[in-house]
């Protein structure tokens, strides 16, 4: 079972944050003239978000499958419990009947 890769998501987010921090420290006049840096910054953030969404989708599907498996197992156990209850009930009834016949 694979779990969400928090390390990878955090690493992507950290890289995006570092790139954003670099851009934030560039003087505004220089930033305005450098549209490529803005594009790069946006691309880094978009990539980090896309990666996080992909991991979340994988995790959601795994959880859905786990919940489905658990629900099936619960249904099976409930059916077994009902069967055991019937056996116990029938067993007690036949024991009571047997004891009543012996008493006669």
PDB file of N, CA and C in Angstrom:
ATOM      1  N   UNK A   1       0.838  -1.166   0.000  1.00  0.00           N
ATOM      2  CA  UNK A   1       0.000   0.000   0.000  1.00  0.00           C
ATOM      3  C   UNK A   1       0.891   1.240   0.000  1.00  0.00           C
ATOM      4  N   UNK A   2       0.662   2.118  -0.939  1.00  0.00           N
ATOM      5  CA  UNK A   2       1.450   3.337  -1.063  1.00  0.00           C
ATOM      6  C   UNK A   2       0.691   4.487  -0.442  1.00  0.00           C
ATOM      7  N   UNK A   3       1.385   5.269   0.353  1.00  0.00           N
ATOM      8  CA  UNK A   3       0.766   6.427   0.979  1.00  0.00           C
ATOM      9  C   UNK A   3       1.260   7.696   0.309  1.00  0.00           C
ATOM     10  N   UNK A   4       0.535   8.760   0.505  1.00  0.00           N
ATOM     11  CA  UNK A   4       0.869  10.055  -0.071  1.00  0.00           C
ATOM     12  C   UNK A   4       2.311  10.404   0.272  1.00  0.00           C
ATOM     13  N   UNK A   5       3.051  10.869  -0.714  1.00  0.00           N
ATOM     14  CA  UNK A   5       4.454  11.221  -0.549  1.00  0.00           C
ATOM     15  C   UNK A   5       4.560  12.657  -0.071  1.00  0.00           C
ATOM     16  N   UNK A   6       4.452  12.837   1.261  1.00  0.00           N
ATOM     17  CA  UNK A   6       4.530  14.174   1.826  1.00  0.00           C
ATOM     18  C   UNK A   6       5.889  14.799   1.553  1.00  0.00           C
ATOM     19  N   UNK A   7       6.940  14.007   1.586  1.00  0.00           N
ATOM     20  CA  UNK A   7       8.285  14.521   1.347  1.00  0.00           C
ATOM     21  C   UNK A   7       8.410  15.124  -0.041  1.00  0.00           C
ATOM     22  N   UNK A   8       7.905  14.413  -1.029  1.00  0.00           N
ATOM     23  CA  UNK A   8       7.968  14.919  -2.399  1.00  0.00           C
ATOM     24  C   UNK A   8       7.140  16.181  -2.578  1.00  0.00           C
ATOM     25  N   UNK A   9       5.964  16.192  -1.988  1.00  0.00           N
ATOM     26  CA  UNK A   9       5.105  17.375  -2.089  1.00  0.00           C
ATOM     27  C   UNK A   9       5.743  18.562  -1.389  1.00  0.00           C
ATOM     28  N   UNK A  10       6.318  18.302  -0.221  1.00  0.00           N
ATOM     29  CA  UNK A  10       6.968  19.385   0.507  1.00  0.00           C
ATOM     30  C   UNK A  10       8.197  19.895  -0.236  1.00  0.00           C
ATOM     31  N   UNK A  11       8.925  18.988  -0.850  1.00  0.00           N
ATOM     32  CA  UNK A  11      10.099  19.386  -1.610  1.00  0.00           C
ATOM     33  C   UNK A  11       9.694  20.277  -2.787  1.00  0.00           C
ATOM     34  N   UNK A  12       8.647  19.884  -3.494  1.00  0.00           N
ATOM     35  CA  UNK A  12       8.177  20.693  -4.624  1.00  0.00           C
ATOM     36  C   UNK A  12       7.700  22.055  -4.135  1.00  0.00           C
ATOM     37  N   UNK A  13       6.991  22.057  -3.012  1.00  0.00           N
ATOM     38  CA  UNK A  13       6.499  23.326  -2.453  1.00  0.00           C
ATOM     39  C   UNK A  13       7.662  24.201  -2.000  1.00  0.00           C
ATOM     40  N   UNK A  14       8.674  23.598  -1.389  1.00  0.00           N
ATOM     41  CA  UNK A  14       9.842  24.353  -0.936  1.00  0.00           C
ATOM     42  C   UNK A  14      10.569  24.981  -2.122  1.00  0.00           C
ATOM     43  N   UNK A  15      10.747  24.218  -3.181  1.00  0.00           N
ATOM     44  CA  UNK A  15      11.395  24.762  -4.384  1.00  0.00           C
ATOM     45  C   UNK A  15      10.591  25.930  -4.941  1.00  0.00           C
ATOM     46  N   UNK A  16       9.280  25.763  -4.987  1.00  0.00           N
ATOM     47  CA  UNK A  16       8.429  26.844  -5.495  1.00  0.00           C
ATOM     48  C   UNK A  16       8.526  28.065  -4.595  1.00  0.00           C
ATOM     49  N   UNK A  17       8.533  27.848  -3.289  1.00  0.00           N
ATOM     50  CA  UNK A  17       8.634  28.972  -2.347  1.00  0.00           C
ATOM     51  C   UNK A  17       9.982  29.675  -2.467  1.00  0.00           C
ATOM     52  N   UNK A  18      11.053  28.918  -2.625  1.00  0.00           N
ATOM     53  CA  UNK A  18      12.372  29.525  -2.783  1.00  0.00           C
ATOM     54  C   UNK A  18      12.443  30.366  -4.051  1.00  0.00           C
ATOM     55  N   UNK A  19      11.884  29.851  -5.121  1.00  0.00           N
ATOM     56  CA  UNK A  19      11.863  30.604  -6.373  1.00  0.00           C
ATOM     57  C   UNK A  19      11.035  31.882  -6.213  1.00  0.00           C
ATOM     58  N   UNK A  20       9.905  31.780  -5.517  1.00  0.00           N
ATOM     59  CA  UNK A  20       9.069  32.958  -5.279  1.00  0.00           C
ATOM     60  C   UNK A  20       9.807  33.974  -4.420  1.00  0.00           C
ATOM     61  N   UNK A  21      10.563  33.483  -3.447  1.00  0.00           N
ATOM     62  CA  UNK A  21      11.326  34.379  -2.576  1.00  0.00           C
ATOM     63  C   UNK A  21      12.407  35.112  -3.372  1.00  0.00           C
ATOM     64  N   UNK A  22      13.054  34.404  -4.281  1.00  0.00           N
ATOM     65  CA  UNK A  22      14.066  35.053  -5.123  1.00  0.00           C
ATOM     66  C   UNK A  22      13.426  36.178  -5.927  1.00  0.00           C
ATOM     67  N   UNK A  23      12.290  35.880  -6.519  1.00  0.00           N
ATOM     68  CA  UNK A  23      11.606  36.873  -7.341  1.00  0.00           C
ATOM     69  C   UNK A  23      11.152  38.055  -6.491  1.00  0.00           C
ATOM     70  N   UNK A  24      10.704  37.788  -5.278  1.00  0.00           N
ATOM     71  CA  UNK A  24      10.214  38.849  -4.405  1.00  0.00           C
ATOM     72  C   UNK A  24      11.320  39.814  -4.014  1.00  0.00           C
ATOM     73  N   UNK A  25      12.568  39.375  -3.986  1.00  0.00           N
ATOM     74  CA  UNK A  25      13.679  40.222  -3.587  1.00  0.00           C
ATOM     75  C   UNK A  25      14.304  40.992  -4.756  1.00  0.00           C
ATOM     76  N   UNK A  26      13.801  40.749  -5.935  1.00  0.00           N
ATOM     77  CA  UNK A  26      14.279  41.494  -7.099  1.00  0.00           C
ATOM     78  C   UNK A  26      13.543  42.828  -7.115  1.00  0.00           C
ATOM     79  N   UNK A  27      14.239  43.938  -7.339  1.00  0.00           N
ATOM     80  CA  UNK A  27      13.561  45.242  -7.387  1.00  0.00           C
ATOM     81  C   UNK A  27      12.411  45.231  -8.389  1.00  0.00           C
ATOM     82  N   UNK A  28      11.352  45.950  -8.046  1.00  0.00           N
ATOM     83  CA  UNK A  28      10.128  45.920  -8.850  1.00  0.00           C
ATOM     84  C   UNK A  28      10.383  46.312 -10.305  1.00  0.00           C
ATOM     85  N   UNK A  29      11.183  47.331 -10.514  1.00  0.00           N
ATOM     86  CA  UNK A  29      11.453  47.762 -11.886  1.00  0.00           C
ATOM     87  C   UNK A  29      12.086  46.630 -12.688  1.00  0.00           C
ATOM     88  N   UNK A  30      12.982  45.910 -12.079  1.00  0.00           N
ATOM     89  CA  UNK A  30      13.646  44.804 -12.758  1.00  0.00           C
ATOM     90  C   UNK A  30      12.686  43.626 -12.947  1.00  0.00           C
ATOM     91  N   UNK A  31      11.810  43.406 -11.932  1.00  0.00           N
ATOM     92  CA  UNK A  31      10.835  42.317 -12.036  1.00  0.00           C
ATOM     93  C   UNK A  31       9.857  42.574 -13.171  1.00  0.00           C
ATOM     94  N   UNK A  32       9.392  43.825 -13.270  1.00  0.00           N
ATOM     95  CA  UNK A  32       8.432  44.137 -14.326  1.00  0.00           C
ATOM     96  C   UNK A  32       9.034  43.915 -15.705  1.00  0.00           C
ATOM     97  N   UNK A  33      10.301  44.192 -15.830  1.00  0.00           N
ATOM     98  CA  UNK A  33      10.958  44.007 -17.118  1.00  0.00           C
ATOM     99  C   UNK A  33      11.281  42.568 -17.410  1.00  0.00           C
ATOM    100  N   UNK A  34      11.244  41.732 -16.415  1.00  0.00           N
ATOM    101  CA  UNK A  34      11.642  40.337 -16.591  1.00  0.00           C
ATOM    102  C   UNK A  34      10.420  39.426 -16.493  1.00  0.00           C
ATOM    103  N   UNK A  35       9.647  39.419 -17.552  1.00  0.00           N
ATOM    104  CA  UNK A  35       8.431  38.586 -17.573  1.00  0.00           C
ATOM    105  C   UNK A  35       8.768  37.101 -17.513  1.00  0.00           C
ATOM    106  N   UNK A  36       9.948  36.752 -17.988  1.00  0.00           N
ATOM    107  CA  UNK A  36      10.344  35.333 -17.983  1.00  0.00           C
ATOM    108  C   UNK A  36      10.422  34.806 -16.555  1.00  0.00           C
ATOM    109  N   UNK A  37      10.952  35.623 -15.632  1.00  0.00           N
ATOM    110  CA  UNK A  37      11.034  35.196 -14.235  1.00  0.00           C
ATOM    111  C   UNK A  37       9.655  34.948 -13.662  1.00  0.00           C
ATOM    112  N   UNK A  38       8.705  35.815 -14.003  1.00  0.00           N
ATOM    113  CA  UNK A  38       7.331  35.628 -13.527  1.00  0.00           C
ATOM    114  C   UNK A  38       6.762  34.326 -14.082  1.00  0.00           C
ATOM    115  N   UNK A  39       7.009  34.106 -15.355  1.00  0.00           N
ATOM    116  CA  UNK A  39       6.521  32.875 -15.970  1.00  0.00           C
ATOM    117  C   UNK A  39       7.150  31.649 -15.317  1.00  0.00           C
ATOM    118  N   UNK A  40       8.458  31.732 -15.074  1.00  0.00           N
ATOM    119  CA  UNK A  40       9.150  30.620 -14.421  1.00  0.00           C
ATOM    120  C   UNK A  40       8.574  30.386 -13.025  1.00  0.00           C
ATOM    121  N   UNK A  41       8.358  31.465 -12.309  1.00  0.00           N
ATOM    122  CA  UNK A  41       7.808  31.369 -10.950  1.00  0.00           C
ATOM    123  C   UNK A  41       6.443  30.710 -10.975  1.00  0.00           C
ATOM    124  N   UNK A  42       5.589  31.150 -11.924  1.00  0.00           N
ATOM    125  CA  UNK A  42       4.255  30.557 -12.041  1.00  0.00           C
ATOM    126  C   UNK A  42       4.335  29.093 -12.442  1.00  0.00           C
ATOM    127  N   UNK A  43       5.233  28.772 -13.353  1.00  0.00           N
ATOM    128  CA  UNK A  43       5.377  27.382 -13.780  1.00  0.00           C
ATOM    129  C   UNK A  43       5.815  26.487 -12.632  1.00  0.00           C
ATOM    130  N   UNK A  44       6.706  26.975 -11.797  1.00  0.00           N
ATOM    131  CA  UNK A  44       7.159  26.193 -10.640  1.00  0.00           C
ATOM    132  C   UNK A  44       5.992  25.950  -9.693  1.00  0.00           C
ATOM    133  N   UNK A  45       5.217  26.988  -9.431  1.00  0.00           N
ATOM    134  CA  UNK A  45       4.072  26.835  -8.535  1.00  0.00           C
ATOM    135  C   UNK A  45       3.005  25.923  -9.140  1.00  0.00           C
ATOM    136  N   UNK A  46       2.750  26.081 -10.412  1.00  0.00           N
ATOM    137  CA  UNK A  46       1.767  25.225 -11.081  1.00  0.00           C
ATOM    138  C   UNK A  46       2.222  23.777 -11.033  1.00  0.00           C
ATOM    139  N   UNK A  47       3.493  23.521 -11.286  1.00  0.00           N
ATOM    140  CA  UNK A  47       4.018  22.152 -11.248  1.00  0.00           C
ATOM    141  C   UNK A  47       3.878  21.553  -9.849  1.00  0.00           C
ATOM    142  N   UNK A  48       4.167  22.370  -8.825  1.00  0.00           N
ATOM    143  CA  UNK A  48       4.044  21.875  -7.452  1.00  0.00           C
ATOM    144  C   UNK A  48       2.594  21.545  -7.138  1.00  0.00           C
ATOM    145  N   UNK A  49       1.677  22.406  -7.580  1.00  0.00           N
ATOM    146  CA  UNK A  49       0.251  22.155  -7.338  1.00  0.00           C
ATOM    147  C   UNK A  49      -0.241  20.933  -8.109  1.00  0.00           C
ATOM    148  N   UNK A  50       0.189  20.793  -9.352  1.00  0.00           N
ATOM    149  CA  UNK A  50      -0.207  19.628 -10.148  1.00  0.00           C
ATOM    150  C   UNK A  50       0.287  18.338  -9.501  1.00  0.00           C
ATOM    151  N   UNK A  51       1.502  18.375  -8.998  1.00  0.00           N
ATOM    152  CA  UNK A  51       2.055  17.194  -8.334  1.00  0.00           C
ATOM    153  C   UNK A  51       1.260  16.866  -7.073  1.00  0.00           C
ATOM    154  N   UNK A  52       0.923  17.883  -6.303  1.00  0.00           N
ATOM    155  CA  UNK A  52       0.146  17.662  -5.083  1.00  0.00           C
ATOM    156  C   UNK A  52      -1.238  17.112  -5.407  1.00  0.00           C
ATOM    157  N   UNK A  53      -1.858  17.619  -6.450  1.00  0.00           N
ATOM    158  CA  UNK A  53      -3.179  17.132  -6.860  1.00  0.00           C
ATOM    159  C   UNK A  53      -3.084  15.679  -7.318  1.00  0.00           C
ATOM    160  N   UNK A  54      -2.056  15.359  -8.081  1.00  0.00           N
ATOM    161  CA  UNK A  54      -1.886  13.977  -8.549  1.00  0.00           C
ATOM    162  C   UNK A  54      -1.717  13.022  -7.370  1.00  0.00           C
ATOM    163  N   UNK A  55      -0.911  13.414  -6.399  1.00  0.00           N
ATOM    164  CA  UNK A  55      -0.732  12.572  -5.207  1.00  0.00           C
ATOM    165  C   UNK A  55      -2.039  12.452  -4.430  1.00  0.00           C
ATOM    166  N   UNK A  56      -2.776  13.528  -4.328  1.00  0.00           N
ATOM    167  CA  UNK A  56      -4.049  13.498  -3.607  1.00  0.00           C
ATOM    168  C   UNK A  56      -5.050  12.585  -4.308  1.00  0.00           C
ATOM    169  N   UNK A  57      -5.078  12.609  -5.621  1.00  0.00           N
ATOM    170  CA  UNK A  57      -5.982  11.742  -6.376  1.00  0.00           C
ATOM    171  C   UNK A  57      -5.624  10.272  -6.169  1.00  0.00           C
ATOM    172  N   UNK A  58      -4.339   9.973  -6.179  1.00  0.00           N
ATOM    173  CA  UNK A  58      -3.890   8.594  -5.945  1.00  0.00           C
ATOM    174  C   UNK A  58      -4.294   8.153  -4.544  1.00  0.00           C
ATOM    175  N   UNK A  59      -4.064   9.004  -3.574  1.00  0.00           N
ATOM    176  CA  UNK A  59      -4.409   8.693  -2.190  1.00  0.00           C
ATOM    177  C   UNK A  59      -5.915   8.508  -2.032  1.00  0.00           C
ATOM    178  N   UNK A  60      -6.697   9.368  -2.679  1.00  0.00           N
ATOM    179  CA  UNK A  60      -8.160   9.257  -2.596  1.00  0.00           C
ATOM    180  C   UNK A  60      -8.635   7.926  -3.172  1.00  0.00           C
ATOM    181  N   UNK A  61      -8.068   7.507  -4.278  1.00  0.00           N
ATOM    182  CA  UNK A  61      -8.455   6.230  -4.879  1.00  0.00           C
ATOM    183  C   UNK A  61      -8.065   5.061  -3.975  1.00  0.00           C
ATOM    184  N   UNK A  62      -6.889   5.137  -3.370  1.00  0.00           N
ATOM    185  CA  UNK A  62      -6.476   4.077  -2.444  1.00  0.00           C
ATOM    186  C   UNK A  62      -7.436   4.003  -1.264  1.00  0.00           C
ATOM    187  N   UNK A  63      -7.789   5.142  -0.720  1.00  0.00           N
ATOM    188  CA  UNK A  63      -8.707   5.172   0.427  1.00  0.00           C
ATOM    189  C   UNK A  63     -10.084   4.648   0.039  1.00  0.00           C
ATOM    190  N   UNK A  64     -10.541   4.986  -1.190  1.00  0.00           N
ATOM    191  CA  UNK A  64     -11.832   4.495  -1.654  1.00  0.00           C
ATOM    192  C   UNK A  64     -11.819   2.975  -1.750  1.00  0.00           C
ATOM    193  N   UNK A  65     -10.734   2.435  -2.302  1.00  0.00           N
ATOM    194  CA  UNK A  65     -10.619   0.985  -2.424  1.00  0.00           C
ATOM    195  C   UNK A  65     -10.552   0.319  -1.053  1.00  0.00           C
ATOM    196  N   UNK A  66      -9.808   0.933  -0.122  1.00  0.00           N
ATOM    197  CA  UNK A  66      -9.721   0.385   1.237  1.00  0.00           C
ATOM    198  C   UNK A  66     -11.087   0.390   1.909  1.00  0.00           C
ATOM    199  N   UNK A  67     -11.845   1.463   1.722  1.00  0.00           N
ATOM    200  CA  UNK A  67     -13.177   1.561   2.321  1.00  0.00           C
ATOM    201  C   UNK A  67     -14.117   0.521   1.708  1.00  0.00           C
ATOM    202  N   UNK A  68     -14.013   0.327   0.401  1.00  0.00           N
ATOM    203  CA  UNK A  68     -14.834  -0.671  -0.275  1.00  0.00           C
ATOM    204  C   UNK A  68     -14.506  -2.076   0.229  1.00  0.00           C
ATOM    205  N   UNK A  69     -13.234  -2.374   0.373  1.00  0.00           N
ATOM    206  CA  UNK A  69     -12.802  -3.679   0.890  1.00  0.00           C
ATOM    207  C   UNK A  69     -13.295  -3.880   2.319  1.00  0.00           C
ATOM    208  N   UNK A  70     -13.179  -2.843   3.140  1.00  0.00           N
ATOM    209  CA  UNK A  70     -13.633  -2.929   4.531  1.00  0.00           C
ATOM    210  C   UNK A  70     -15.140  -3.143   4.592  1.00  0.00           C
ATOM    211  N   UNK A  71     -15.895  -2.469   3.736  1.00  0.00           N
ATOM    212  CA  UNK A  71     -17.354  -2.624   3.720  1.00  0.00           C
ATOM    213  C   UNK A  71     -17.741  -4.054   3.345  1.00  0.00           C
ATOM    214  N   UNK A  72     -17.034  -4.635   2.370  1.00  0.00           N
ATOM    215  CA  UNK A  72     -17.308  -6.022   1.984  1.00  0.00           C
ATOM    216  C   UNK A  72     -16.997  -6.973   3.131  1.00  0.00           C
ATOM    217  N   UNK A  73     -15.899  -6.733   3.822  1.00  0.00           N
ATOM    218  CA  UNK A  73     -15.510  -7.586   4.946  1.00  0.00           C
ATOM    219  C   UNK A  73     -16.551  -7.489   6.062  1.00  0.00           C
ATOM    220  N   UNK A  74     -17.033  -6.285   6.328  1.00  0.00           N
ATOM    221  CA  UNK A  74     -18.056  -6.095   7.350  1.00  0.00           C
ATOM    222  C   UNK A  74     -19.313  -6.871   6.984  1.00  0.00           C
ATOM    223  N   UNK A  75     -19.722  -6.799   5.715  1.00  0.00           N
ATOM    224  CA  UNK A  75     -20.913  -7.531   5.263  1.00  0.00           C
ATOM    225  C   UNK A  75     -20.728  -9.038   5.443  1.00  0.00           C
ATOM    226  N   UNK A  76     -19.539  -9.534   5.115  1.00  0.00           N
ATOM    227  CA  UNK A  76     -19.255 -10.964   5.291  1.00  0.00           C
ATOM    228  C   UNK A  76     -19.321 -11.359   6.765  1.00  0.00           C
ATOM    229  N   UNK A  77     -18.739 -10.546   7.628  1.00  0.00           N
ATOM    230  CA  UNK A  77     -18.747 -10.845   9.064  1.00  0.00           C
ATOM    231  C   UNK A  77     -20.162 -10.787   9.634  1.00  0.00           C
ATOM    232  N   UNK A  78     -20.961  -9.810   9.173  1.00  0.00           N
ATOM    233  CA  UNK A  78     -22.343  -9.726   9.641  1.00  0.00           C
ATOM    234  C   UNK A  78     -23.136 -10.962   9.224  1.00  0.00           C
ATOM    235  N   UNK A  79     -22.892 -11.458   8.002  1.00  0.00           N
ATOM    236  CA  UNK A  79     -23.571 -12.671   7.535  1.00  0.00           C
ATOM    237  C   UNK A  79     -23.151 -13.878   8.376  1.00  0.00           C
ATOM    238  N   UNK A  80     -21.862 -13.965   8.704  1.00  0.00           N
ATOM    239  CA  UNK A  80     -21.387 -15.069   9.541  1.00  0.00           C
ATOM    240  C   UNK A  80     -21.980 -14.985  10.944  1.00  0.00           C
ATOM    241  N   UNK A  81     -22.076 -13.795  11.496  1.00  0.00           N
ATOM    242  CA  UNK A  81     -22.659 -13.615  12.829  1.00  0.00           C
ATOM    243  C   UNK A  81     -24.123 -14.047  12.810  1.00  0.00           C
ATOM    244  N   UNK A  82     -24.872 -13.641  11.765  1.00  0.00           N
ATOM    245  CA  UNK A  82     -26.283 -14.025  11.662  1.00  0.00           C
ATOM    246  C   UNK A  82     -26.419 -15.546  11.584  1.00  0.00           C
ATOM    247  N   UNK A  83     -25.544 -16.196  10.828  1.00  0.00           N
ATOM    248  CA  UNK A  83     -25.571 -17.646  10.707  1.00  0.00           C
ATOM    249  C   UNK A  83     -25.266 -18.312  12.049  1.00  0.00           C
ATOM    250  N   UNK A  84     -24.259 -17.805  12.747  1.00  0.00           N
ATOM    251  CA  UNK A  84     -23.922 -18.355  14.059  1.00  0.00           C
ATOM    252  C   UNK A  84     -25.071 -18.170  15.050  1.00  0.00           C
ATOM    253  N   UNK A  85     -25.726 -17.025  14.989  1.00  0.00           N
ATOM    254  CA  UNK A  85     -26.862 -16.783  15.878  1.00  0.00           C
ATOM    255  C   UNK A  85     -27.983 -17.775  15.600  1.00  0.00           C
ATOM    256  N   UNK A  86     -28.205 -18.078  14.312  1.00  0.00           N
ATOM    257  CA  UNK A  86     -29.232 -19.070  13.962  1.00  0.00           C
ATOM    258  C   UNK A  86     -28.847 -20.451  14.487  1.00  0.00           C
ATOM    259  N   UNK A  87     -27.581 -20.810  14.333  1.00  0.00           N
ATOM    260  CA  UNK A  87     -27.128 -22.115  14.821  1.00  0.00           C
ATOM    261  C   UNK A  87     -27.289 -22.208  16.331  1.00  0.00           C
ATOM    262  N   UNK A  88     -26.922 -21.138  17.008  1.00  0.00           N
ATOM    263  CA  UNK A  88     -27.040 -21.136  18.468  1.00  0.00           C
ATOM    264  C   UNK A  88     -28.506 -21.270  18.856  1.00  0.00           C
ATOM    265  N   UNK A  89     -29.347 -20.494  18.187  1.00  0.00           N
ATOM    266  CA  UNK A  89     -30.781 -20.532  18.488  1.00  0.00           C
ATOM    267  C   UNK A  89     -31.343 -21.934  18.230  1.00  0.00           C
ATOM    268  N   UNK A  90     -30.993 -22.529  17.111  1.00  0.00           N
ATOM    269  CA  UNK A  90     -31.469 -23.881  16.786  1.00  0.00           C
ATOM    270  C   UNK A  90     -30.880 -24.899  17.754  1.00  0.00           C
ATOM    271  N   UNK A  91     -29.640 -24.715  18.109  1.00  0.00           N
ATOM    272  CA  UNK A  91     -28.992 -25.640  19.045  1.00  0.00           C
ATOM    273  C   UNK A  91     -29.629 -25.578  20.415  1.00  0.00           C
ATOM    274  N   UNK A  92     -29.933 -24.392  20.873  1.00  0.00           N
ATOM    275  CA  UNK A  92     -30.579 -24.248  22.177  1.00  0.00           C
ATOM    276  C   UNK A  92     -31.992 -24.800  22.139  1.00  0.00           C
ATOM    277  N   UNK A  93     -32.675 -24.608  21.027  1.00  0.00           N
ATOM    278  CA  UNK A  93     -34.033 -25.129  20.902  1.00  0.00           C
ATOM    279  C   UNK A  93     -34.026 -26.644  20.916  1.00  0.00           C
ATOM    280  N   UNK A  94     -33.100 -27.245  20.187  1.00  0.00           N
ATOM    281  CA  UNK A  94     -33.057 -28.709  20.155  1.00  0.00           C
ATOM    282  C   UNK A  94     -32.606 -29.247  21.507  1.00  0.00           C
ATOM    283  N   UNK A  95     -31.743 -28.535  22.219  1.00  0.00           N
ATOM    284  CA  UNK A  95     -31.304 -28.972  23.545  1.00  0.00           C
ATOM    285  C   UNK A  95     -32.472 -28.894  24.509  1.00  0.00           C
ATOM    286  N   UNK A  96     -33.245 -27.856  24.457  1.00  0.00           N
ATOM    287  CA  UNK A  96     -34.417 -27.711  25.338  1.00  0.00           C
ATOM    288  C   UNK A  96     -35.448 -28.787  25.031  1.00  0.00           C
ATOM    289  N   UNK A  97     -35.631 -29.095  23.743  1.00  0.00           N
ATOM    290  CA  UNK A  97     -36.578 -30.133  23.331  1.00  0.00           C
ATOM    291  C   UNK A  97     -36.086 -31.492  23.822  1.00  0.00           C
ATOM    292  N   UNK A  98     -34.780 -31.752  23.665  1.00  0.00           N
ATOM    293  CA  UNK A  98     -34.207 -33.014  24.113  1.00  0.00           C
ATOM    294  C   UNK A  98     -34.370 -33.160  25.631  1.00  0.00           C
ATOM    295  N   UNK A  99     -34.142 -32.081  26.363  1.00  0.00           N
ATOM    296  CA  UNK A  99     -34.268 -32.143  27.810  1.00  0.00           C
ATOM    297  C   UNK A  99     -35.722 -32.347  28.217  1.00  0.00           C
ATOM    298  N   UNK A 100     -36.662 -31.784  27.489  1.00  0.00           N
ATOM    299  CA  UNK A 100     -38.090 -31.951  27.798  1.00  0.00           C
ATOM    300  C   UNK A 100     -38.498 -33.390  27.542  1.00  0.00           C
ATOM    301  N   UNK A 101     -37.974 -34.007  26.475  1.00  0.00           N
ATOM    302  CA  UNK A 101     -38.294 -35.402  26.190  1.00  0.00           C
ATOM    303  C   UNK A 101     -37.698 -36.325  27.240  1.00  0.00           C
ATOM    304  N   UNK A 102     -36.510 -35.998  27.756  1.00  0.00           N
ATOM    305  CA  UNK A 102     -35.877 -36.830  28.781  1.00  0.00           C
ATOM    306  C   UNK A 102     -36.637 -36.727  30.100  1.00  0.00           C
ATOM    307  N   UNK A 103     -37.185 -35.583  30.360  1.00  0.00           N
ATOM    308  CA  UNK A 103     -37.927 -35.391  31.601  1.00  0.00           C
ATOM    309  C   UNK A 103     -39.214 -36.175  31.593  1.00  0.00           C
ATOM    310  N   UNK A 104     -39.777 -36.443  30.418  1.00  0.00           N
ATOM    311  CA  UNK A 104     -41.027 -37.194  30.325  1.00  0.00           C
ATOM    312  C   UNK A 104     -40.747 -38.606  30.628  1.00  0.00           C
TER     313      UNK A 104
END
